[in-house]
All heavy atoms as atom14 arrays in JSON, in Angstrom:
{
  "sequence": "APGKQRELVAVVSSGGITSYADSVKGRFTISRDNPKKTVDLQMDSLNV",
  "atom14_mask": [
    [1, 1, 1, 1, 1, 0, 0, 0, 0, 0, 0, 0, 0, 0],
    [1, 1, 1, 1, 1, 1, 1, 0, 0, 0, 0, 0, 0, 0],
    [1, 1, 1, 1, 0, 0, 0, 0, 0, 0, 0, 0, 0, 0],
    [1, 1, 1, 1, 1, 1, 1, 1, 1, 0, 0, 0, 0, 0],
    [1, 1, 1, 1, 1, 1, 1, 1, 1, 0, 0, 0, 0, 0],
    [1, 1, 1, 1, 1, 1, 1, 1, 1, 1, 1, 0, 0, 0],
    [1, 1, 1, 1, 1, 1, 1, 1, 1, 0, 0, 0, 0, 0],
    [1, 1, 1, 1, 1, 1, 1, 1, 0, 0, 0, 0, 0, 0],
    [1, 1, 1, 1, 1, 1, 1, 0, 0, 0, 0, 0, 0, 0],
    [1, 1, 1, 1, 1, 0, 0, 0, 0, 0, 0, 0, 0, 0],
    [1, 1, 1, 1, 1, 1, 1, 0, 0, 0, 0, 0, 0, 0],
    [1, 1, 1, 1, 1, 1, 1, 0, 0, 0, 0, 0, 0, 0],
    [1, 1, 1, 1, 1, 1, 0, 0, 0, 0, 0, 0, 0, 0],
    [1, 1, 1, 1, 1, 1, 0, 0, 0, 0, 0, 0, 0, 0],
    [1, 1, 1, 1, 0, 0, 0, 0, 0, 0, 0, 0, 0, 0],
    [1, 1, 1, 1, 0, 0, 0, 0, 0, 0, 0, 0, 0, 0],
    [1, 1, 1, 1, 1, 1, 1, 1, 0, 0, 0, 0, 0, 0],
    [1, 1, 1, 1, 1, 1, 1, 0, 0, 0, 0, 0, 0, 0],
    [1, 1, 1, 1, 1, 1, 0, 0, 0, 0, 0, 0, 0, 0],
    [1, 1, 1, 1, 1, 1, 1, 1, 1, 1, 1, 1, 0, 0],
    [1, 1, 1, 1, 1, 0, 0, 0, 0, 0, 0, 0, 0, 0],
    [1, 1, 1, 1, 1, 1, 1, 1, 0, 0, 0, 0, 0, 0],
    [1, 1, 1, 1, 1, 1, 0, 0, 0, 0, 0, 0, 0, 0],
    [1, 1, 1, 1, 1, 1, 1, 0, 0, 0, 0, 0, 0, 0],
    [1, 1, 1, 1, 1, 1, 1, 1, 1, 0, 0, 0, 0, 0],
    [1, 1, 1, 1, 0, 0, 0, 0, 0, 0, 0, 0, 0, 0],
    [1, 1, 1, 1, 1, 1, 1, 1, 1, 1, 1, 0, 0, 0],
    [1, 1, 1, 1, 1, 1, 1, 1, 1, 1, 1, 0, 0, 0],
    [1, 1, 1, 1, 1, 1, 1, 0, 0, 0, 0, 0, 0, 0],
    [1, 1, 1, 1, 1, 1, 1, 1, 0, 0, 0, 0, 0, 0],
    [1, 1, 1, 1, 1, 1, 0, 0, 0, 0, 0, 0, 0, 0],
    [1, 1, 1, 1, 1, 1, 1, 1, 1, 1, 1, 0, 0, 0],
    [1, 1, 1, 1, 1, 1, 1, 1, 0, 0, 0, 0, 0, 0],
    [1, 1, 1, 1, 1, 1, 1, 1, 0, 0, 0, 0, 0, 0],
    [1, 1, 1, 1, 1, 1, 1, 0, 0, 0, 0, 0, 0, 0],
    [1, 1, 1, 1, 1, 1, 1, 1, 1, 0, 0, 0, 0, 0],
    [1, 1, 1, 1, 1, 1, 1, 1, 1, 0, 0, 0, 0, 0],
    [1, 1, 1, 1, 1, 1, 1, 0, 0, 0, 0, 0, 0, 0],
    [1, 1, 1, 1, 1, 1, 1, 0, 0, 0, 0, 0, 0, 0],
    [1, 1, 1, 1, 1, 1, 1, 1, 0, 0, 0, 0, 0, 0],
    [1, 1, 1, 1, 1, 1, 1, 1, 0, 0, 0, 0, 0, 0],
    [1, 1, 1, 1, 1, 1, 1, 1, 1, 0, 0, 0, 0, 0],
    [1, 1, 1, 1, 1, 1, 1, 1, 0, 0, 0, 0, 0, 0],
    [1, 1, 1, 1, 1, 1, 1, 1, 0, 0, 0, 0, 0, 0],
    [1, 1, 1, 1, 1, 1, 0, 0, 0, 0, 0, 0, 0, 0],
    [1, 1, 1, 1, 1, 1, 1, 1, 0, 0, 0, 0, 0, 0],
    [1, 1, 1, 1, 1, 1, 1, 1, 0, 0, 0, 0, 0, 0],
    [1, 1, 1, 1, 1, 1, 1, 0, 0, 0, 0, 0, 0, 0]
  ],
  "atom14_positions": [
    [[-45.98, 75.57, -48.33], [-47.28, 75.01, -47.96], [-48.37, 75.7, -48.78], [-48.17, 76.82, -49.26], [-47.53, 75.21, -46.47], [0.0, 0.0, 0.0], [0.0, 0.0, 0.0], [0.0, 0.0, 0.0], [0.0, 0.0, 0.0], [0.0, 0.0, 0.0], [0.0, 0.0, 0.0], [0.0, 0.0, 0.0], [0.0, 0.0, 0.0], [0.0, 0.0, 0.0]],
    [[-49.51, 75.07, -48.92], [-50.61, 75.67, -49.7], [-50.98, 77.05, -49.17], [-51.19, 77.23, -47.97], [-51.75, 74.67, -49.51], [-51.08, 73.37, -49.24], [-49.85, 73.71, -48.45], [0.0, 0.0, 0.0], [0.0, 0.0, 0.0], [0.0, 0.0, 0.0], [0.0, 0.0, 0.0], [0.0, 0.0, 0.0], [0.0, 0.0, 0.0], [0.0, 0.0, 0.0]],
    [[-51.03, 78.03, -50.07], [-51.41, 79.37, -49.69], [-50.35, 80.17, -48.97], [-50.61, 81.28, -48.51], [0.0, 0.0, 0.0], [0.0, 0.0, 0.0], [0.0, 0.0, 0.0], [0.0, 0.0, 0.0], [0.0, 0.0, 0.0], [0.0, 0.0, 0.0], [0.0, 0.0, 0.0], [0.0, 0.0, 0.0], [0.0, 0.0, 0.0], [0.0, 0.0, 0.0]],
    [[-49.14, 79.62, -48.87], [-48.07, 80.31, -48.15], [-46.87, 80.52, -49.06], [-46.73, 79.87, -50.1], [-47.65, 79.52, -46.92], [-48.74, 79.4, -45.86], [-48.2, 78.75, -44.61], [-49.25, 78.68, -43.52], [-48.72, 78.06, -42.26], [0.0, 0.0, 0.0], [0.0, 0.0, 0.0], [0.0, 0.0, 0.0], [0.0, 0.0, 0.0], [0.0, 0.0, 0.0]],
    [[-46.01, 81.45, -48.65], [-44.8, 81.69, -49.41], [-43.78, 80.6, -49.16], [-43.79, 79.93, -48.12], [-44.21, 83.05, -49.02], [-45.03, 84.24, -49.5], [-44.32, 85.56, -49.25], [-43.51, 85.67, -48.33], [-44.6, 86.55, -50.07], [0.0, 0.0, 0.0], [0.0, 0.0, 0.0], [0.0, 0.0, 0.0], [0.0, 0.0, 0.0], [0.0, 0.0, 0.0]],
    [[-42.89, 80.46, -50.13], [-41.81, 79.5, -49.96], [-40.9, 79.99, -48.84], [-40.55, 81.17, -48.78], [-41.03, 79.36, -51.27], [-40.1, 78.19, -51.32], [-39.49, 78.02, -52.71], [-40.49, 77.61, -53.69], [-40.19, 77.18, -54.92], [-38.92, 77.1, -55.3], [-41.14, 76.83, -55.76], [0.0, 0.0, 0.0], [0.0, 0.0, 0.0], [0.0, 0.0, 0.0]],
    [[-40.49, 79.09, -47.95], [-39.65, 79.47, -46.83], [-38.43, 78.56, -46.74], [-38.5, 77.37, -47.06], [-40.43, 79.41, -45.51], [-40.91, 78.04, -45.12], [-41.5, 77.98, -43.72], [-41.42, 78.98, -42.98], [-42.04, 76.92, -43.37], [0.0, 0.0, 0.0], [0.0, 0.0, 0.0], [0.0, 0.0, 0.0], [0.0, 0.0, 0.0], [0.0, 0.0, 0.0]],
    [[-37.34, 79.14, -46.27], [-36.12, 78.37, -46.08], [-36.29, 77.44, -44.89], [-36.72, 77.86, -43.81], [-34.94, 79.31, -45.85], [-33.59, 78.64, -45.6], [-33.13, 77.86, -46.81], [-32.55, 79.68, -45.19], [0.0, 0.0, 0.0], [0.0, 0.0, 0.0], [0.0, 0.0, 0.0], [0.0, 0.0, 0.0], [0.0, 0.0, 0.0], [0.0, 0.0, 0.0]],
    [[-35.93, 76.18, -45.09], [-35.98, 75.19, -44.01], [-34.6, 74.98, -43.4], [-34.43, 75.08, -42.18], [-36.53, 73.85, -44.53], [-36.52, 72.8, -43.43], [-37.93, 74.02, -45.11], [0.0, 0.0, 0.0], [0.0, 0.0, 0.0], [0.0, 0.0, 0.0], [0.0, 0.0, 0.0], [0.0, 0.0, 0.0], [0.0, 0.0, 0.0], [0.0, 0.0, 0.0]],
    [[-33.63, 74.69, -44.24], [-32.28, 74.42, -43.75], [-31.29, 74.58, -44.9], [-31.64, 74.34, -46.06], [-32.18, 73.02, -43.17], [0.0, 0.0, 0.0], [0.0, 0.0, 0.0], [0.0, 0.0, 0.0], [0.0, 0.0, 0.0], [0.0, 0.0, 0.0], [0.0, 0.0, 0.0], [0.0, 0.0, 0.0], [0.0, 0.0, 0.0], [0.0, 0.0, 0.0]],
    [[-30.08, 74.97, -44.56], [-29.06, 75.18, -45.57], [-27.69, 74.8, -45.01], [-27.44, 74.97, -43.81], [-29.05, 76.63, -46.09], [-28.79, 77.61, -44.96], [-28.06, 76.83, -47.22], [0.0, 0.0, 0.0], [0.0, 0.0, 0.0], [0.0, 0.0, 0.0], [0.0, 0.0, 0.0], [0.0, 0.0, 0.0], [0.0, 0.0, 0.0], [0.0, 0.0, 0.0]],
    [[-26.85, 74.27, -45.87], [-25.44, 74.05, -45.56], [-24.66, 75.01, -46.44], [-24.72, 74.92, -47.67], [-24.99, 72.61, -45.83], [-23.53, 72.43, -45.42], [-25.87, 71.63, -45.09], [0.0, 0.0, 0.0], [0.0, 0.0, 0.0], [0.0, 0.0, 0.0], [0.0, 0.0, 0.0], [0.0, 0.0, 0.0], [0.0, 0.0, 0.0], [0.0, 0.0, 0.0]],
    [[-23.94, 75.92, -45.83], [-23.2, 76.93, -46.59], [-21.7, 76.66, -46.51], [-21.28, 75.6, -46.04], [-23.55, 78.32, -46.08], [-23.32, 78.42, -44.69], [0.0, 0.0, 0.0], [0.0, 0.0, 0.0], [0.0, 0.0, 0.0], [0.0, 0.0, 0.0], [0.0, 0.0, 0.0], [0.0, 0.0, 0.0], [0.0, 0.0, 0.0], [0.0, 0.0, 0.0]],
    [[-20.94, 77.59, -46.97], [-19.5, 77.43, -47.05], [-18.92, 77.04, -45.69], [-19.3, 77.57, -44.67], [-18.87, 78.75, -47.51], [-17.47, 78.64, -47.57], [0.0, 0.0, 0.0], [0.0, 0.0, 0.0], [0.0, 0.0, 0.0], [0.0, 0.0, 0.0], [0.0, 0.0, 0.0], [0.0, 0.0, 0.0], [0.0, 0.0, 0.0], [0.0, 0.0, 0.0]],
    [[-18.02, 76.09, -45.72], [-17.4, 75.62, -44.49], [-18.25, 74.64, -43.72], [-17.91, 74.28, -42.6], [0.0, 0.0, 0.0], [0.0, 0.0, 0.0], [0.0, 0.0, 0.0], [0.0, 0.0, 0.0], [0.0, 0.0, 0.0], [0.0, 0.0, 0.0], [0.0, 0.0, 0.0], [0.0, 0.0, 0.0], [0.0, 0.0, 0.0], [0.0, 0.0, 0.0]],
    [[-19.34, 74.21, -44.33], [-20.2, 73.24, -43.67], [-21.08, 73.82, -42.59], [-21.64, 73.08, -41.77], [0.0, 0.0, 0.0], [0.0, 0.0, 0.0], [0.0, 0.0, 0.0], [0.0, 0.0, 0.0], [0.0, 0.0, 0.0], [0.0, 0.0, 0.0], [0.0, 0.0, 0.0], [0.0, 0.0, 0.0], [0.0, 0.0, 0.0], [0.0, 0.0, 0.0]],
    [[-21.23, 75.13, -42.59], [-22.07, 75.78, -41.59], [-23.53, 75.52, -41.91], [-23.97, 75.71, -43.05], [-21.79, 77.29, -41.54], [-20.34, 77.54, -41.13], [-22.75, 77.98, -40.59], [-19.91, 78.97, -41.24], [0.0, 0.0, 0.0], [0.0, 0.0, 0.0], [0.0, 0.0, 0.0], [0.0, 0.0, 0.0], [0.0, 0.0, 0.0], [0.0, 0.0, 0.0]],
    [[-24.28, 75.07, -40.91], [-25.7, 74.78, -41.1], [-26.56, 75.85, -40.45], [-26.19, 76.45, -39.44], [-26.07, 73.41, -40.51], [-25.76, 73.41, -39.11], [-25.3, 72.29, -41.19], [0.0, 0.0, 0.0], [0.0, 0.0, 0.0], [0.0, 0.0, 0.0], [0.0, 0.0, 0.0], [0.0, 0.0, 0.0], [0.0, 0.0, 0.0], [0.0, 0.0, 0.0]],
    [[-27.72, 76.04, -41.05], [-28.68, 77.0, -40.53], [-30.07, 76.43, -40.72], [-30.35, 75.79, -41.73], [-28.54, 78.34, -41.27], [-29.45, 79.3, -40.77], [0.0, 0.0, 0.0], [0.0, 0.0, 0.0], [0.0, 0.0, 0.0], [0.0, 0.0, 0.0], [0.0, 0.0, 0.0], [0.0, 0.0, 0.0], [0.0, 0.0, 0.0], [0.0, 0.0, 0.0]],
    [[-30.93, 76.68, -39.72], [-32.27, 76.12, -39.74], [-33.32, 77.2, -39.46], [-33.07, 78.16, -38.72], [-32.42, 75.04, -38.66], [-31.54, 73.84, -38.85], [-30.27, 73.79, -38.29], [-31.99, 72.74, -39.57], [-29.45, 72.68, -38.46], [-31.19, 71.62, -39.73], [-29.93, 71.6, -39.17], [-29.13, 70.5, -39.35], [0.0, 0.0, 0.0], [0.0, 0.0, 0.0]],
    [[-34.51, 76.99, -40.01], [-35.64, 77.82, -39.62], [-35.96, 77.52, -38.16], [-35.8, 76.38, -37.7], [-36.84, 77.51, -40.49], [0.0, 0.0, 0.0], [0.0, 0.0, 0.0], [0.0, 0.0, 0.0], [0.0, 0.0, 0.0], [0.0, 0.0, 0.0], [0.0, 0.0, 0.0], [0.0, 0.0, 0.0], [0.0, 0.0, 0.0], [0.0, 0.0, 0.0]],
    [[-36.41, 78.52, -37.44], [-36.73, 78.32, -36.03], [-37.77, 77.22, -35.84], [-37.72, 76.48, -34.85], [-37.26, 79.63, -35.42], [-36.18, 80.67, -35.24], [-34.98, 80.3, -35.25], [-36.52, 81.86, -35.09], [0.0, 0.0, 0.0], [0.0, 0.0, 0.0], [0.0, 0.0, 0.0], [0.0, 0.0, 0.0], [0.0, 0.0, 0.0], [0.0, 0.0, 0.0]],
    [[-38.67, 77.1, -36.78], [-39.77, 76.14, -36.64], [-39.31, 74.69, -36.73], [-40.06, 73.78, -36.34], [-40.84, 76.4, -37.71], [-40.27, 76.3, -39.0], [0.0, 0.0, 0.0], [0.0, 0.0, 0.0], [0.0, 0.0, 0.0], [0.0, 0.0, 0.0], [0.0, 0.0, 0.0], [0.0, 0.0, 0.0], [0.0, 0.0, 0.0], [0.0, 0.0, 0.0]],
    [[-38.1, 74.45, -37.23], [-37.64, 73.07, -37.39], [-36.42, 72.75, -36.54], [-35.97, 71.6, -36.5], [-37.35, 72.73, -38.87], [-38.55, 73.07, -39.74], [-36.09, 73.43, -39.37], [0.0, 0.0, 0.0], [0.0, 0.0, 0.0], [0.0, 0.0, 0.0], [0.0, 0.0, 0.0], [0.0, 0.0, 0.0], [0.0, 0.0, 0.0], [0.0, 0.0, 0.0]],
    [[-35.87, 73.73, -35.86], [-34.69, 73.51, -35.04], [-34.95, 72.43, -34.0], [-35.98, 72.41, -33.34], [-34.26, 74.8, -34.34], [-33.54, 75.78, -35.23], [-33.15, 77.03, -34.46], [-32.45, 78.02, -35.37], [-32.12, 79.3, -34.66], [0.0, 0.0, 0.0], [0.0, 0.0, 0.0], [0.0, 0.0, 0.0], [0.0, 0.0, 0.0], [0.0, 0.0, 0.0]],
    [[-33.99, 71.52, -33.89], [-34.13, 70.43, -32.93], [-34.91, 69.25, -33.45], [-34.93, 68.19, -32.83], [0.0, 0.0, 0.0], [0.0, 0.0, 0.0], [0.0, 0.0, 0.0], [0.0, 0.0, 0.0], [0.0, 0.0, 0.0], [0.0, 0.0, 0.0], [0.0, 0.0, 0.0], [0.0, 0.0, 0.0], [0.0, 0.0, 0.0], [0.0, 0.0, 0.0]],
    [[-35.56, 69.41, -34.61], [-36.33, 68.31, -35.19], [-35.77, 67.85, -36.54], [-35.85, 66.67, -36.87], [-37.79, 68.73, -35.38], [-38.49, 69.15, -34.12], [-39.99, 69.37, -34.37], [-40.24, 70.45, -35.32], [-40.91, 70.28, -36.46], [-41.38, 69.08, -36.8], [-41.12, 71.32, -37.27], [0.0, 0.0, 0.0], [0.0, 0.0, 0.0], [0.0, 0.0, 0.0]],
    [[-35.22, 68.77, -37.29], [-34.68, 68.47, -38.62], [-33.16, 68.55, -38.58], [-32.58, 69.38, -37.87], [-35.19, 69.46, -39.65], [-36.65, 69.36, -40.0], [-37.53, 68.6, -39.24], [-37.16, 70.04, -41.09], [-38.87, 68.5, -39.56], [-38.5, 69.97, -41.43], [-39.35, 69.2, -40.65], [0.0, 0.0, 0.0], [0.0, 0.0, 0.0], [0.0, 0.0, 0.0]],
    [[-32.53, 67.7, -39.39], [-31.08, 67.72, -39.5], [-30.68, 67.66, -40.96], [-31.1, 66.75, -41.69], [-30.45, 66.53, -38.76], [-30.86, 66.53, -37.4], [-28.92, 66.61, -38.82], [0.0, 0.0, 0.0], [0.0, 0.0, 0.0], [0.0, 0.0, 0.0], [0.0, 0.0, 0.0], [0.0, 0.0, 0.0], [0.0, 0.0, 0.0], [0.0, 0.0, 0.0]],
    [[-29.89, 68.61, -41.39], [-29.42, 68.64, -42.76], [-28.0, 68.08, -42.82], [-27.2, 68.32, -41.91], [-29.49, 70.07, -43.35], [-29.23, 70.05, -44.86], [-28.53, 71.01, -42.64], [-29.53, 71.37, -45.54], [0.0, 0.0, 0.0], [0.0, 0.0, 0.0], [0.0, 0.0, 0.0], [0.0, 0.0, 0.0], [0.0, 0.0, 0.0], [0.0, 0.0, 0.0]],
    [[-27.72, 67.33, -43.87], [-26.38, 66.8, -44.04], [-26.02, 66.84, -45.52], [-26.91, 66.73, -46.38], [-26.28, 65.36, -43.49], [-27.2, 64.51, -44.14], [0.0, 0.0, 0.0], [0.0, 0.0, 0.0], [0.0, 0.0, 0.0], [0.0, 0.0, 0.0], [0.0, 0.0, 0.0], [0.0, 0.0, 0.0], [0.0, 0.0, 0.0], [0.0, 0.0, 0.0]],
    [[-24.75, 66.94, -45.78], [-24.3, 67.12, -47.16], [-23.11, 66.22, -47.43], [-22.23, 66.08, -46.56], [-23.95, 68.58, -47.4], [-23.47, 68.92, -48.79], [-23.35, 70.43, -48.92], [-22.84, 70.82, -50.23], [-22.77, 72.06, -50.66], [-23.2, 73.06, -49.89], [-22.29, 72.33, -51.86], [0.0, 0.0, 0.0], [0.0, 0.0, 0.0], [0.0, 0.0, 0.0]],
    [[-23.07, 65.63, -48.6], [-21.94, 64.82, -49.04], [-21.39, 65.48, -50.29], [-21.98, 65.36, -51.37], [-22.38, 63.38, -49.31], [-21.22, 62.45, -49.61], [-20.25, 62.89, -50.27], [-21.3, 61.28, -49.21], [0.0, 0.0, 0.0], [0.0, 0.0, 0.0], [0.0, 0.0, 0.0], [0.0, 0.0, 0.0], [0.0, 0.0, 0.0], [0.0, 0.0, 0.0]],
    [[-20.3, 66.2, -50.18], [-19.79, 66.97, -51.31], [-19.32, 66.1, -52.48], [-19.64, 66.41, -53.63], [-18.69, 67.92, -50.85], [-19.24, 69.05, -50.0], [-20.29, 69.61, -50.29], [-18.54, 69.38, -48.92], [0.0, 0.0, 0.0], [0.0, 0.0, 0.0], [0.0, 0.0, 0.0], [0.0, 0.0, 0.0], [0.0, 0.0, 0.0], [0.0, 0.0, 0.0]],
    [[-18.56, 65.04, -52.25], [-18.14, 64.21, -53.4], [-19.33, 63.61, -54.16], [-19.27, 63.48, -55.39], [-17.29, 63.12, -52.75], [-16.79, 63.73, -51.49], [-17.92, 64.58, -51.0], [0.0, 0.0, 0.0], [0.0, 0.0, 0.0], [0.0, 0.0, 0.0], [0.0, 0.0, 0.0], [0.0, 0.0, 0.0], [0.0, 0.0, 0.0], [0.0, 0.0, 0.0]],
    [[-20.38, 63.26, -53.43], [-21.56, 62.68, -54.08], [-22.53, 63.75, -54.57], [-23.5, 63.43, -55.25], [-22.28, 61.74, -53.12], [-21.49, 60.49, -52.76], [-22.3, 59.57, -51.85], [-21.51, 58.31, -51.51], [-22.28, 57.42, -50.6], [0.0, 0.0, 0.0], [0.0, 0.0, 0.0], [0.0, 0.0, 0.0], [0.0, 0.0, 0.0], [0.0, 0.0, 0.0]],
    [[-22.3, 64.99, -54.18], [-23.17, 66.11, -54.55], [-24.6, 65.87, -54.09], [-25.56, 66.04, -54.86], [-23.09, 66.4, -56.05], [-21.71, 66.9, -56.48], [-21.68, 67.38, -57.92], [-21.64, 66.25, -58.88], [-21.43, 66.7, -60.28], [0.0, 0.0, 0.0], [0.0, 0.0, 0.0], [0.0, 0.0, 0.0], [0.0, 0.0, 0.0], [0.0, 0.0, 0.0]],
    [[-24.73, 65.45, -52.84], [-26.06, 65.21, -52.29], [-26.27, 66.04, -51.03], [-25.31, 66.41, -50.34], [-26.26, 63.73, -51.93], [-25.3, 63.35, -50.95], [-26.12, 62.83, -53.15], [0.0, 0.0, 0.0], [0.0, 0.0, 0.0], [0.0, 0.0, 0.0], [0.0, 0.0, 0.0], [0.0, 0.0, 0.0], [0.0, 0.0, 0.0], [0.0, 0.0, 0.0]],
    [[-27.53, 66.31, -50.76], [-27.91, 66.94, -49.5], [-29.17, 66.25, -49.01], [-30.12, 66.03, -49.77], [-28.11, 68.46, -49.65], [-29.25, 68.79, -50.59], [-28.32, 69.11, -48.29], [0.0, 0.0, 0.0], [0.0, 0.0, 0.0], [0.0, 0.0, 0.0], [0.0, 0.0, 0.0], [0.0, 0.0, 0.0], [0.0, 0.0, 0.0], [0.0, 0.0, 0.0]],
    [[-29.16, 65.83, -47.76], [-30.27, 65.12, -47.16], [-30.9, 65.97, -46.06], [-30.23, 66.8, -45.44], [-29.81, 63.79, -46.58], [-29.4, 62.79, -47.63], [-29.63, 63.05, -48.83], [-28.83, 61.76, -47.27], [0.0, 0.0, 0.0], [0.0, 0.0, 0.0], [0.0, 0.0, 0.0], [0.0, 0.0, 0.0], [0.0, 0.0, 0.0], [0.0, 0.0, 0.0]],
    [[-32.16, 65.69, -45.81], [-32.87, 66.35, -44.72], [-33.59, 65.29, -43.91], [-34.56, 64.69, -44.39], [-33.86, 67.38, -45.26], [-34.55, 68.25, -44.2], [-33.53, 69.19, -43.54], [-35.68, 69.06, -44.83], [0.0, 0.0, 0.0], [0.0, 0.0, 0.0], [0.0, 0.0, 0.0], [0.0, 0.0, 0.0], [0.0, 0.0, 0.0], [0.0, 0.0, 0.0]],
    [[-33.08, 65.04, -42.72], [-33.73, 64.11, -41.8], [-34.76, 64.88, -41.0], [-34.4, 65.86, -40.31], [-32.7, 63.46, -40.87], [-33.31, 62.54, -39.82], [-33.97, 61.32, -40.41], [-33.48, 60.74, -41.37], [-35.12, 60.93, -39.86], [0.0, 0.0, 0.0], [0.0, 0.0, 0.0], [0.0, 0.0, 0.0], [0.0, 0.0, 0.0], [0.0, 0.0, 0.0]],
    [[-36.01, 64.46, -41.09], [-37.1, 65.18, -40.43], [-37.73, 64.27, -39.39], [-38.3, 63.22, -39.72], [-38.14, 65.61, -41.46], [-37.57, 66.43, -42.62], [-38.82, 67.06, -43.74], [-39.44, 65.53, -44.45], [0.0, 0.0, 0.0], [0.0, 0.0, 0.0], [0.0, 0.0, 0.0], [0.0, 0.0, 0.0], [0.0, 0.0, 0.0], [0.0, 0.0, 0.0]],
    [[-37.62, 64.65, -38.15], [-38.18, 63.89, -37.03], [-39.26, 64.71, -36.33], [-39.35, 65.92, -36.51], [-37.08, 63.52, -36.03], [-35.99, 62.67, -36.66], [-36.33, 61.74, -37.43], [-34.8, 62.91, -36.37], [0.0, 0.0, 0.0], [0.0, 0.0, 0.0], [0.0, 0.0, 0.0], [0.0, 0.0, 0.0], [0.0, 0.0, 0.0], [0.0, 0.0, 0.0]],
    [[-40.06, 64.02, -35.55], [-41.14, 64.67, -34.79], [-41.98, 65.56, -35.69], [-42.27, 66.71, -35.35], [-40.55, 65.48, -33.63], [-39.8, 64.67, -32.76], [0.0, 0.0, 0.0], [0.0, 0.0, 0.0], [0.0, 0.0, 0.0], [0.0, 0.0, 0.0], [0.0, 0.0, 0.0], [0.0, 0.0, 0.0], [0.0, 0.0, 0.0], [0.0, 0.0, 0.0]],
    [[-42.36, 65.03, -36.81], [-43.12, 65.81, -37.78], [-44.5, 66.16, -37.24], [-45.12, 65.38, -36.49], [-43.26, 65.05, -39.09], [-41.99, 64.99, -39.95], [-42.03, 63.85, -40.94], [-41.79, 66.32, -40.67], [0.0, 0.0, 0.0], [0.0, 0.0, 0.0], [0.0, 0.0, 0.0], [0.0, 0.0, 0.0], [0.0, 0.0, 0.0], [0.0, 0.0, 0.0]],
    [[-44.97, 67.34, -37.61], [-46.32, 67.74, -37.25], [-47.05, 68.24, -38.5], [-46.43, 68.43, -39.57], [-46.3, 68.8, -36.14], [-45.47, 70.01, -36.5], [-45.73, 70.67, -37.5], [-44.46, 70.31, -35.68], [0.0, 0.0, 0.0], [0.0, 0.0, 0.0], [0.0, 0.0, 0.0], [0.0, 0.0, 0.0], [0.0, 0.0, 0.0], [0.0, 0.0, 0.0]],
    [[-48.33, 68.46, -38.38], [-49.15, 68.78, -39.55], [-48.7, 70.08, -40.21], [-48.88, 70.26, -41.42], [-50.64, 68.84, -39.21], [-51.16, 67.46, -38.81], [-50.9, 69.86, -38.1], [0.0, 0.0, 0.0], [0.0, 0.0, 0.0], [0.0, 0.0, 0.0], [0.0, 0.0, 0.0], [0.0, 0.0, 0.0], [0.0, 0.0, 0.0], [0.0, 0.0, 0.0]]
  ]
}
């Protein structure tokens, strides 16, 4: 965000383990498709 440091939002690590920042837990969902080499972030209940 403007004037702020870069922060981790969500990650999929080895074994498909997901991790989220506390500020987005329950609102964001990360998903990964390994054959397609894609990672998506579904963001719901967005706030300013």
